[in-house]
Amino acid sequence: MATTPTTPTAKDMTGKSSGPQWYRVRSSFPIDQKRVLFRSVSQRRAEQWLMNRFPRGEEAYLETPSGQTSAYVVERQGEHGTDADPWQPFDPETWLPPAEQEPPGQDQWTDVES
């Protein structure tokens, strides 16, 4: 009985199946440990879900199948108040939740009453 050579599948070559590529909306809060809040094979649908639920901040971000991340802020402004693209690159590792951010005016240049 002769054996026939098998051709490698896409899964054998890459280590992953060649299934759908997901756009994931992940939570930015460290306590959530990058929990996936929503996922879709459609980038437009994932962006729309994120815009509807988190329009004013970076509490969640979009992760593309290639691993790039971006966050949506509807009121984002550029230099001197100019309009800016509401979708900007986002680094979830350096983002701090509002409760952990330093309060405004609490820096080395603040006037201190003596």
Protein backbone atom coordinates (compact mmCIF):
# COMPACT_ATOMS: atom_id res chain seq x y z
CA MET A 1 0.00 0.00 0.00
CA ALA A 2 1.52 3.30 -1.12
CA THR A 3 1.24 6.40 1.00
CA THR A 4 0.38 9.67 -0.63
CA PRO A 5 2.17 12.80 0.54
CA THR A 6 -0.14 15.32 2.12
CA THR A 7 0.06 18.98 1.30
CA PRO A 8 0.46 21.29 4.28
CA THR A 9 -2.61 23.27 5.20
CA ALA A 10 -2.69 26.94 6.12
CA LYS A 11 -2.92 25.94 9.77
CA ASP A 12 0.26 23.83 9.52
CA MET A 13 2.23 26.67 7.91
CA THR A 14 1.28 29.51 10.23
CA GLY A 15 0.32 27.75 13.44
CA LYS A 16 -3.10 29.39 13.26
CA SER A 17 -6.19 28.55 11.34
CA SER A 18 -7.07 30.70 8.37
CA GLY A 19 -10.39 31.65 9.94
CA PRO A 20 -11.90 35.13 10.13
CA GLN A 21 -9.79 38.08 11.19
CA TRP A 22 -11.40 39.83 14.17
CA TYR A 23 -11.53 43.52 15.04
CA ARG A 24 -11.71 43.65 18.82
CA VAL A 25 -12.94 46.40 21.12
CA ARG A 26 -11.03 46.01 24.38
CA SER A 27 -11.37 47.71 27.75
CA SER A 28 -8.55 50.12 28.62
CA PHE A 29 -8.89 49.76 32.39
CA PRO A 30 -6.03 47.73 33.93
CA ILE A 31 -8.44 45.96 36.28
CA ASP A 32 -10.28 44.48 33.26
CA GLN A 33 -7.04 42.94 31.93
CA LYS A 34 -7.74 43.91 28.29
CA ARG A 35 -11.13 42.20 28.29
CA VAL A 36 -12.80 42.00 24.88
CA LEU A 37 -16.05 43.97 24.99
CA PHE A 38 -17.05 43.42 21.36
CA ARG A 39 -15.61 41.75 18.30
CA SER A 40 -16.54 41.70 14.64
CA VAL A 41 -15.09 40.78 11.29
CA SER A 42 -16.22 44.22 10.05
CA GLN A 43 -14.01 47.17 10.98
CA ARG A 44 -16.88 49.59 10.35
CA ARG A 45 -19.21 47.67 12.68
CA ALA A 46 -16.56 47.53 15.45
CA GLU A 47 -15.83 51.26 15.10
CA GLN A 48 -19.54 52.10 15.18
CA TRP A 49 -20.06 50.02 18.34
CA LEU A 50 -17.14 51.79 20.02
CA MET A 51 -18.33 55.26 18.93
CA ASN A 52 -21.84 54.60 20.26
CA ARG A 53 -20.73 53.37 23.68
CA PHE A 54 -17.56 55.36 24.43
CA PRO A 55 -17.79 58.66 22.51
CA ARG A 56 -15.96 60.92 24.94
CA GLY A 57 -12.87 59.06 26.00
CA GLU A 58 -10.40 56.26 25.80
CA GLU A 59 -12.14 53.81 28.15
CA ALA A 60 -12.03 51.30 25.30
CA TYR A 61 -9.92 50.96 22.18
CA LEU A 62 -10.04 49.15 18.85
CA GLU A 63 -7.50 46.44 18.08
CA THR A 64 -7.09 45.38 14.45
CA PRO A 65 -6.23 41.83 13.37
CA SER A 66 -2.64 42.99 12.79
CA GLY A 67 -2.37 44.18 16.42
CA GLN A 68 -2.55 47.94 15.82
CA THR A 69 -4.59 49.89 18.36
CA SER A 70 -6.53 53.15 18.06
CA ALA A 71 -8.95 55.04 20.26
CA TYR A 72 -11.87 57.29 19.40
CA VAL A 73 -12.47 60.68 21.03
CA VAL A 74 -15.24 62.75 19.45
CA GLU A 75 -13.95 66.02 20.95
CA ARG A 76 -10.28 65.53 20.10
CA GLN A 77 -8.50 68.76 19.21
CA GLY A 78 -5.18 69.44 17.65
CA GLU A 79 -2.75 72.24 18.35
CA HIS A 80 -4.45 75.59 19.15
CA GLY A 81 -7.93 74.03 19.10
CA THR A 82 -7.89 72.94 15.46
CA ASP A 83 -9.92 69.94 14.42
CA ALA A 84 -8.13 66.61 14.60
CA ASP A 85 -8.93 63.12 13.42
CA PRO A 86 -11.02 61.48 16.16
CA TRP A 87 -9.25 58.12 15.57
CA GLN A 88 -5.67 58.28 16.84
CA PRO A 89 -3.10 55.59 17.68
CA PHE A 90 -3.49 54.37 21.25
CA ASP A 91 -1.06 52.73 23.69
CA PRO A 92 -3.07 50.75 26.25
CA GLU A 93 0.03 50.09 28.37
CA THR A 94 0.62 53.77 29.25
CA TRP A 95 -3.03 54.87 29.57
CA LEU A 96 -4.23 55.66 33.11
CA PRO A 97 -7.89 55.68 34.15
CA PRO A 98 -9.18 59.07 35.33
CA ALA A 99 -9.23 57.87 38.96
CA GLU A 100 -5.48 57.16 38.79
CA GLN A 101 -4.45 60.34 36.96
CA GLU A 102 -2.87 63.20 38.83
CA PRO A 103 -5.44 65.92 39.63
CA PRO A 104 -5.08 69.15 37.63
CA GLY A 105 -2.88 71.69 39.36
CA GLN A 106 -0.96 69.10 41.37
CA ASP A 107 2.48 69.59 39.90
CA GLN A 108 5.79 71.19 40.80
CA TRP A 109 4.69 74.61 39.50
CA THR A 110 1.57 74.90 41.67
CA ASP A 111 1.47 77.83 44.04
CA VAL A 112 1.75 76.55 47.58
CA GLU A 113 0.39 78.50 50.51
CA SER A 114 2.90 78.84 53.28
